[in-house]
Amino acid sequence: MSKILCPICGTATSLSPVIIEDKRAYLSDESSEERAVFGRARVSAITDDTSPHYVSHGVFTCQACGERFVAKKHNWEDREWIPVYPFPHKSVAEEIPEPIKSEFEEANLCFAVGAYIACLLMCRTVVIALQRQQNVSNLKELMGKGTISKTLYEKADEVRLWGNIVGHEDIMPDSVIREDSEQLLTYLESVLNAVYVEPARFEALKLKRKQVEKRSTES
């Protein structure tokens, strides 16, 4: 089987279906006169929906962390398996302050469940919260203060513009696809990293260096 991203540990893992004991598994036996032959068997925990209008589900084991998760595949479109439980979503850096952190987590969760319009609405909410937390009225002021670069300003503004479109215009649900939301989430993450994560980690690294230097001079 192909590989899939584990929704628990985030590692790319081979699809390894869980094997279960079935006391009344259907056994193919053309030599029997019985209409159906049942017996004990070990079978994989995957539904076998052959109808082109059904969705197959399976229980798999991650080869990296050993945890189990549920994935599905749309048979009529011949898609790859997609994790559905637990909801796969990226963890958000602890350096990002509240309520921005919770709102960005919610945007990631919307993306994970395929609610792409809701994802972009939450991304716009994050941008608004960022401006409020930084005491600016718009993103241009944030760039003017030197907090973000021109490139990051353009990315953040694109997130804002998409959020405005889905929030105020009557658009078809399929107007926003997975790739659109994923790209805009990546843009927003790069902005949050520049404003909160990288400065905090840089200061922590400098502090650690000074502590190491102090210990070395005292010894």
C-alpha atoms as a PDB file:
ATOM      1  CA  MET A   1       0.000   0.000   0.000  1.00  0.00           C
ATOM      2  CA  SER A   2       0.993   3.633  -0.402  1.00  0.00           C
ATOM      3  CA  LYS A   3       2.133   5.910   2.394  1.00  0.00           C
ATOM      4  CA  ILE A   4       0.009   8.233   4.494  1.00  0.00           C
ATOM      5  CA  LEU A   5       0.741  10.992   7.013  1.00  0.00           C
ATOM      6  CA  CYS A   6      -0.075   9.718  10.503  1.00  0.00           C
ATOM      7  CA  PRO A   7      -2.604  12.094  12.131  1.00  0.00           C
ATOM      8  CA  ILE A   8      -1.140  11.366  15.569  1.00  0.00           C
ATOM      9  CA  CYS A   9       2.634  11.756  15.192  1.00  0.00           C
ATOM     10  CA  GLY A  10       2.766  13.460  11.786  1.00  0.00           C
ATOM     11  CA  THR A  11       5.180  10.889  10.308  1.00  0.00           C
ATOM     12  CA  ALA A  12       4.799   9.515   6.789  1.00  0.00           C
ATOM     13  CA  THR A  13       4.021   5.835   7.323  1.00  0.00           C
ATOM     14  CA  SER A  14       3.101   2.818   5.232  1.00  0.00           C
ATOM     15  CA  LEU A  15      -0.565   1.872   5.309  1.00  0.00           C
ATOM     16  CA  SER A  16      -0.623  -1.145   7.602  1.00  0.00           C
ATOM     17  CA  PRO A  17      -4.210  -2.325   8.193  1.00  0.00           C
ATOM     18  CA  VAL A  18      -5.119  -3.648  11.624  1.00  0.00           C
ATOM     19  CA  ILE A  19      -5.667  -7.425  11.568  1.00  0.00           C
ATOM     20  CA  ILE A  20      -8.668  -8.667  13.521  1.00  0.00           C
ATOM     21  CA  GLU A  21      -9.988 -12.114  14.418  1.00  0.00           C
ATOM     22  CA  ASP A  22     -13.360 -12.812  12.816  1.00  0.00           C
ATOM     23  CA  LYS A  23     -15.197 -15.904  14.086  1.00  0.00           C
ATOM     24  CA  ARG A  24     -17.736 -15.763  11.263  1.00  0.00           C
ATOM     25  CA  ALA A  25     -15.730 -14.565   8.301  1.00  0.00           C
ATOM     26  CA  TYR A  26     -17.054 -15.411   4.846  1.00  0.00           C
ATOM     27  CA  LEU A  27     -14.884 -18.102   3.263  1.00  0.00           C
ATOM     28  CA  SER A  28     -14.897 -18.620  -0.474  1.00  0.00           C
ATOM     29  CA  ASP A  29     -15.440 -22.333  -1.171  1.00  0.00           C
ATOM     30  CA  GLU A  30     -16.724 -23.224  -4.629  1.00  0.00           C
ATOM     31  CA  SER A  31     -16.674 -26.933  -3.826  1.00  0.00           C
ATOM     32  CA  SER A  32     -19.320 -26.551  -1.146  1.00  0.00           C
ATOM     33  CA  GLU A  33     -23.002 -26.837  -1.926  1.00  0.00           C
ATOM     34  CA  GLU A  34     -23.791 -24.347   0.828  1.00  0.00           C
ATOM     35  CA  ARG A  35     -24.771 -20.866  -0.322  1.00  0.00           C
ATOM     36  CA  ALA A  36     -22.336 -19.322   2.136  1.00  0.00           C
ATOM     37  CA  VAL A  37     -19.458 -20.807   4.101  1.00  0.00           C
ATOM     38  CA  PHE A  38     -18.291 -19.110   7.296  1.00  0.00           C
ATOM     39  CA  GLY A  39     -15.392 -19.835   9.606  1.00  0.00           C
ATOM     40  CA  ARG A  40     -12.669 -18.340  11.774  1.00  0.00           C
ATOM     41  CA  ALA A  41     -10.256 -16.102   9.910  1.00  0.00           C
ATOM     42  CA  ARG A  42      -7.848 -13.221  10.331  1.00  0.00           C
ATOM     43  CA  VAL A  43      -8.976 -10.279   8.201  1.00  0.00           C
ATOM     44  CA  SER A  44      -7.841  -6.692   7.694  1.00  0.00           C
ATOM     45  CA  ALA A  45      -9.983  -3.963   9.239  1.00  0.00           C
ATOM     46  CA  ILE A  46     -10.969  -2.408   5.901  1.00  0.00           C
ATOM     47  CA  THR A  47     -14.484  -2.170   4.527  1.00  0.00           C
ATOM     48  CA  ASP A  48     -14.882  -3.636   1.063  1.00  0.00           C
ATOM     49  CA  ASP A  49     -17.372  -1.272  -0.547  1.00  0.00           C
ATOM     50  CA  THR A  50     -17.289  -2.209  -4.209  1.00  0.00           C
ATOM     51  CA  SER A  51     -20.111   0.128  -5.203  1.00  0.00           C
ATOM     52  CA  PRO A  52     -18.778   3.179  -7.078  1.00  0.00           C
ATOM     53  CA  HIS A  53     -20.915   5.436  -4.859  1.00  0.00           C
ATOM     54  CA  TYR A  54     -19.510   4.324  -1.499  1.00  0.00           C
ATOM     55  CA  VAL A  55     -16.551   5.318   0.625  1.00  0.00           C
ATOM     56  CA  SER A  56     -14.201   2.695   2.044  1.00  0.00           C
ATOM     57  CA  HIS A  57     -12.951   3.031   5.616  1.00  0.00           C
ATOM     58  CA  GLY A  58     -10.097   1.269   7.325  1.00  0.00           C
ATOM     59  CA  VAL A  59      -8.289   1.063  10.641  1.00  0.00           C
ATOM     60  CA  PHE A  60      -4.518   1.307  10.283  1.00  0.00           C
ATOM     61  CA  THR A  61      -1.456   1.170  12.529  1.00  0.00           C
ATOM     62  CA  CYS A  62       1.279   3.800  12.258  1.00  0.00           C
ATOM     63  CA  GLN A  63       4.653   2.145  11.733  1.00  0.00           C
ATOM     64  CA  ALA A  64       6.388   5.032  13.527  1.00  0.00           C
ATOM     65  CA  CYS A  65       4.399   5.575  16.742  1.00  0.00           C
ATOM     66  CA  GLY A  66       2.383   2.339  16.844  1.00  0.00           C
ATOM     67  CA  GLU A  67      -0.932   4.150  17.331  1.00  0.00           C
ATOM     68  CA  ARG A  68      -4.092   3.331  15.392  1.00  0.00           C
ATOM     69  CA  PHE A  69      -6.104   5.706  13.228  1.00  0.00           C
ATOM     70  CA  VAL A  70      -9.039   5.644  10.815  1.00  0.00           C
ATOM     71  CA  ALA A  71      -8.738   6.607   7.135  1.00  0.00           C
ATOM     72  CA  LYS A  72     -11.145   6.707   4.220  1.00  0.00           C
ATOM     73  CA  LYS A  73     -11.012   6.525   0.432  1.00  0.00           C
ATOM     74  CA  HIS A  74     -13.589   7.655  -2.136  1.00  0.00           C
ATOM     75  CA  ASN A  75     -13.892   4.678  -4.443  1.00  0.00           C
ATOM     76  CA  TRP A  76     -15.608   6.497  -7.290  1.00  0.00           C
ATOM     77  CA  GLU A  77     -12.729   8.961  -7.608  1.00  0.00           C
ATOM     78  CA  ASP A  78      -9.950   6.480  -6.862  1.00  0.00           C
ATOM     79  CA  ARG A  79      -8.415   8.848  -4.302  1.00  0.00           C
ATOM     80  CA  GLU A  80      -5.626   8.073  -1.903  1.00  0.00           C
ATOM     81  CA  TRP A  81      -6.478   7.140   1.678  1.00  0.00           C
ATOM     82  CA  ILE A  82      -7.129  10.222   3.850  1.00  0.00           C
ATOM     83  CA  PRO A  83      -6.942  10.188   7.705  1.00  0.00           C
ATOM     84  CA  VAL A  84     -10.273  11.042   9.322  1.00  0.00           C
ATOM     85  CA  TYR A  85      -9.811  10.131  13.015  1.00  0.00           C
ATOM     86  CA  PRO A  86      -8.267  11.457  15.084  1.00  0.00           C
ATOM     87  CA  PHE A  87      -8.469  14.714  13.186  1.00  0.00           C
ATOM     88  CA  PRO A  88      -5.025  15.335  11.680  1.00  0.00           C
ATOM     89  CA  HIS A  89      -3.838  18.876  12.323  1.00  0.00           C
ATOM     90  CA  LYS A  90      -0.562  20.609  12.936  1.00  0.00           C
ATOM     91  CA  SER A  91       0.492  21.633  16.389  1.00  0.00           C
ATOM     92  CA  VAL A  92       0.857  25.377  16.922  1.00  0.00           C
ATOM     93  CA  ALA A  93       3.986  26.897  18.451  1.00  0.00           C
ATOM     94  CA  GLU A  94       3.673  27.742  22.140  1.00  0.00           C
ATOM     95  CA  GLU A  95       5.348  31.108  21.579  1.00  0.00           C
ATOM     96  CA  ILE A  96       2.237  32.433  19.822  1.00  0.00           C
ATOM     97  CA  PRO A  97       0.081  34.295  22.382  1.00  0.00           C
ATOM     98  CA  GLU A  98      -3.613  33.805  23.046  1.00  0.00           C
ATOM     99  CA  PRO A  99      -6.139  34.259  21.567  1.00  0.00           C
ATOM    100  CA  ILE A 100      -4.130  34.131  18.323  1.00  0.00           C
ATOM    101  CA  LYS A 101      -2.843  30.636  19.120  1.00  0.00           C
ATOM    102  CA  SER A 102      -6.308  29.154  19.676  1.00  0.00           C
ATOM    103  CA  GLU A 103      -7.691  30.851  16.581  1.00  0.00           C
ATOM    104  CA  PHE A 104      -4.833  29.562  14.433  1.00  0.00           C
ATOM    105  CA  GLU A 105      -5.360  26.061  15.870  1.00  0.00           C
ATOM    106  CA  GLU A 106      -9.029  26.297  14.887  1.00  0.00           C
ATOM    107  CA  ALA A 107      -8.042  27.337  11.359  1.00  0.00           C
ATOM    108  CA  ASN A 108      -5.827  24.247  11.119  1.00  0.00           C
ATOM    109  CA  LEU A 109      -8.632  22.051  12.432  1.00  0.00           C
ATOM    110  CA  CYS A 110     -11.055  23.433   9.820  1.00  0.00           C
ATOM    111  CA  PHE A 111      -8.489  22.567   7.154  1.00  0.00           C
ATOM    112  CA  ALA A 112      -8.073  19.050   8.564  1.00  0.00           C
ATOM    113  CA  VAL A 113     -11.782  18.259   8.256  1.00  0.00           C
ATOM    114  CA  GLY A 114     -12.071  19.762   4.782  1.00  0.00           C
ATOM    115  CA  ALA A 115     -13.949  22.926   5.789  1.00  0.00           C
ATOM    116  CA  TYR A 116     -11.833  25.168   3.570  1.00  0.00           C
ATOM    117  CA  ILE A 117     -14.061  28.251   3.560  1.00  0.00           C
ATOM    118  CA  ALA A 118     -14.280  28.113   7.357  1.00  0.00           C
ATOM    119  CA  CYS A 119     -10.491  27.734   7.417  1.00  0.00           C
ATOM    120  CA  LEU A 120     -10.037  30.995   5.507  1.00  0.00           C
ATOM    121  CA  LEU A 121     -12.530  32.791   7.723  1.00  0.00           C
ATOM    122  CA  MET A 122     -10.516  31.731  10.772  1.00  0.00           C
ATOM    123  CA  CYS A 123      -7.319  32.844   9.050  1.00  0.00           C
ATOM    124  CA  ARG A 124      -8.832  36.307   8.621  1.00  0.00           C
ATOM    125  CA  THR A 125      -9.761  36.268  12.316  1.00  0.00           C
ATOM    126  CA  VAL A 126      -6.126  35.512  13.139  1.00  0.00           C
ATOM    127  CA  VAL A 127      -4.952  38.472  11.037  1.00  0.00           C
ATOM    128  CA  ILE A 128      -7.373  40.792  12.838  1.00  0.00           C
ATOM    129  CA  ALA A 129      -6.241  39.477  16.233  1.00  0.00           C
ATOM    130  CA  LEU A 130      -2.603  39.940  15.207  1.00  0.00           C
ATOM    131  CA  GLN A 131      -3.223  43.591  14.329  1.00  0.00           C
ATOM    132  CA  ARG A 132      -5.021  44.145  17.627  1.00  0.00           C
ATOM    133  CA  GLN A 133      -2.266  42.504  19.653  1.00  0.00           C
ATOM    134  CA  GLN A 134       0.408  44.534  17.858  1.00  0.00           C
ATOM    135  CA  ASN A 135      -1.554  47.800  18.359  1.00  0.00           C
ATOM    136  CA  VAL A 136      -1.858  48.588  14.642  1.00  0.00           C
ATOM    137  CA  SER A 137      -4.946  49.261  12.560  1.00  0.00           C
ATOM    138  CA  ASN A 138      -3.720  47.517   9.407  1.00  0.00           C
ATOM    139  CA  LEU A 139      -0.949  45.332   8.028  1.00  0.00           C
ATOM    140  CA  LYS A 140       0.845  48.232   6.356  1.00  0.00           C
ATOM    141  CA  GLU A 141       1.487  49.727   9.786  1.00  0.00           C
ATOM    142  CA  LEU A 142       2.956  46.408  10.895  1.00  0.00           C
ATOM    143  CA  MET A 143       5.324  46.503   7.932  1.00  0.00           C
ATOM    144  CA  GLY A 144       6.105  50.170   8.618  1.00  0.00           C
ATOM    145  CA  LYS A 145       7.192  49.299  12.160  1.00  0.00           C
ATOM    146  CA  GLY A 146       9.617  46.740  10.732  1.00  0.00           C
ATOM    147  CA  THR A 147       7.816  43.837  12.429  1.00  0.00           C
ATOM    148  CA  ILE A 148       7.290  42.071   9.112  1.00  0.00           C
ATOM    149  CA  SER A 149       9.011  42.356   5.742  1.00  0.00           C
ATOM    150  CA  LYS A 150       7.363  43.477   2.516  1.00  0.00           C
ATOM    151  CA  THR A 151       7.127  39.851   1.386  1.00  0.00           C
ATOM    152  CA  LEU A 152       5.407  38.793   4.586  1.00  0.00           C
ATOM    153  CA  TYR A 153       3.113  41.817   4.353  1.00  0.00           C
ATOM    154  CA  GLU A 154       2.003  40.696   0.889  1.00  0.00           C
ATOM    155  CA  LYS A 155       1.383  37.145   2.133  1.00  0.00           C
ATOM    156  CA  ALA A 156      -0.586  38.346   5.161  1.00  0.00           C
ATOM    157  CA  ASP A 157      -2.624  40.704   2.987  1.00  0.00           C
ATOM    158  CA  GLU A 158      -3.440  37.870   0.592  1.00  0.00           C
ATOM    159  CA  VAL A 159      -4.765  35.875   3.545  1.00  0.00           C
ATOM    160  CA  ARG A 160      -6.871  38.883   4.563  1.00  0.00           C
ATOM    161  CA  LEU A 161      -8.231  39.377   1.038  1.00  0.00           C
ATOM    162  CA  TRP A 162      -9.239  35.730   0.682  1.00  0.00           C
ATOM    163  CA  GLY A 163     -10.928  35.907   4.063  1.00  0.00           C
ATOM    164  CA  ASN A 164     -12.874  38.966   2.924  1.00  0.00           C
ATOM    165  CA  ILE A 165     -14.030  37.225  -0.253  1.00  0.00           C
ATOM    166  CA  VAL A 166     -15.377  34.111   1.476  1.00  0.00           C
ATOM    167  CA  GLY A 167     -16.856  36.215   4.269  1.00  0.00           C
ATOM    168  CA  HIS A 168     -18.717  38.778   2.163  1.00  0.00           C
ATOM    169  CA  GLU A 169     -19.290  37.232  -1.276  1.00  0.00           C
ATOM    170  CA  ASP A 170     -21.684  34.502  -2.373  1.00  0.00           C
ATOM    171  CA  ILE A 171     -19.226  31.955  -3.728  1.00  0.00           C
ATOM    172  CA  MET A 172     -19.567  28.289  -4.598  1.00  0.00           C
ATOM    173  CA  PRO A 173     -18.145  25.876  -2.005  1.00  0.00           C
ATOM    174  CA  ASP A 174     -15.790  24.373  -4.589  1.00  0.00           C
ATOM    175  CA  SER A 175     -14.288  27.799  -5.320  1.00  0.00           C
ATOM    176  CA  VAL A 176     -11.844  27.191  -2.462  1.00  0.00           C
ATOM    177  CA  ILE A 177      -9.953  23.924  -2.769  1.00  0.00           C
ATOM    178  CA  ARG A 178      -7.578  22.137  -0.418  1.00  0.00           C
ATOM    179  CA  GLU A 179      -4.462  23.535  -2.097  1.00  0.00           C
ATOM    180  CA  ASP A 180      -5.710  27.124  -1.716  1.00  0.00           C
ATOM    181  CA  SER A 181      -6.318  26.747   2.014  1.00  0.00           C
ATOM    182  CA  GLU A 182      -3.039  24.913   2.552  1.00  0.00           C
ATOM    183  CA  GLN A 183      -1.050  27.646   0.813  1.00  0.00           C
ATOM    184  CA  LEU A 184      -2.746  30.457   2.735  1.00  0.00           C
ATOM    185  CA  LEU A 185      -2.269  28.603   6.039  1.00  0.00           C
ATOM    186  CA  THR A 186       1.427  28.332   5.211  1.00  0.00           C
ATOM    187  CA  TYR A 187       1.579  32.069   4.505  1.00  0.00           C
ATOM    188  CA  LEU A 188      -0.107  32.868   7.806  1.00  0.00           C
ATOM    189  CA  GLU A 189       2.194  30.529   9.706  1.00  0.00           C
ATOM    190  CA  SER A 190       5.263  32.235   8.239  1.00  0.00           C
ATOM    191  CA  VAL A 191       3.935  35.602   9.424  1.00  0.00           C
ATOM    192  CA  LEU A 192       3.243  34.328  12.948  1.00  0.00           C
ATOM    193  CA  ASN A 193       6.673  32.718  13.059  1.00  0.00           C
ATOM    194  CA  ALA A 194       8.331  36.018  12.123  1.00  0.00           C
ATOM    195  CA  VAL A 195       6.345  38.053  14.659  1.00  0.00           C
ATOM    196  CA  TYR A 196       6.343  35.694  17.644  1.00  0.00           C
ATOM    197  CA  VAL A 197       8.186  32.401  17.281  1.00  0.00           C
ATOM    198  CA  GLU A 198      11.569  33.349  15.834  1.00  0.00           C
ATOM    199  CA  PRO A 199      12.156  36.385  18.122  1.00  0.00           C
ATOM    200  CA  ALA A 200      11.242  34.376  21.220  1.00  0.00           C
ATOM    201  CA  ARG A 201      13.472  31.444  20.269  1.00  0.00           C
ATOM    202  CA  PHE A 202      16.325  33.769  19.330  1.00  0.00           C
ATOM    203  CA  GLU A 203      16.170  35.483  22.734  1.00  0.00           C
ATOM    204  CA  ALA A 204      16.035  32.098  24.462  1.00  0.00           C
ATOM    205  CA  LEU A 205      19.109  30.974  22.543  1.00  0.00           C
ATOM    206  CA  LYS A 206      21.014  34.142  23.464  1.00  0.00           C
ATOM    207  CA  LEU A 207      20.096  33.703  27.126  1.00  0.00           C
ATOM    208  CA  LYS A 208      21.289  30.102  27.074  1.00  0.00           C
ATOM    209  CA  ARG A 209      24.608  31.148  25.515  1.00  0.00           C
ATOM    210  CA  LYS A 210      25.156  33.739  28.235  1.00  0.00           C
ATOM    211  CA  GLN A 211      24.397  31.158  30.916  1.00  0.00           C
ATOM    212  CA  VAL A 212      26.884  28.741  29.351  1.00  0.00           C
ATOM    213  CA  GLU A 213      29.523  31.472  29.186  1.00  0.00           C
ATOM    214  CA  LYS A 214      28.903  32.380  32.820  1.00  0.00           C
ATOM    215  CA  ARG A 215      29.281  28.786  33.979  1.00  0.00           C
ATOM    216  CA  SER A 216      32.477  28.363  31.984  1.00  0.00           C
ATOM    217  CA  THR A 217      34.080  31.481  33.502  1.00  0.00           C
ATOM    218  CA  GLU A 218      33.100  30.453  37.034  1.00  0.00           C
ATOM    219  CA  SER A 219      34.585  26.988  36.747  1.00  0.00           C
END
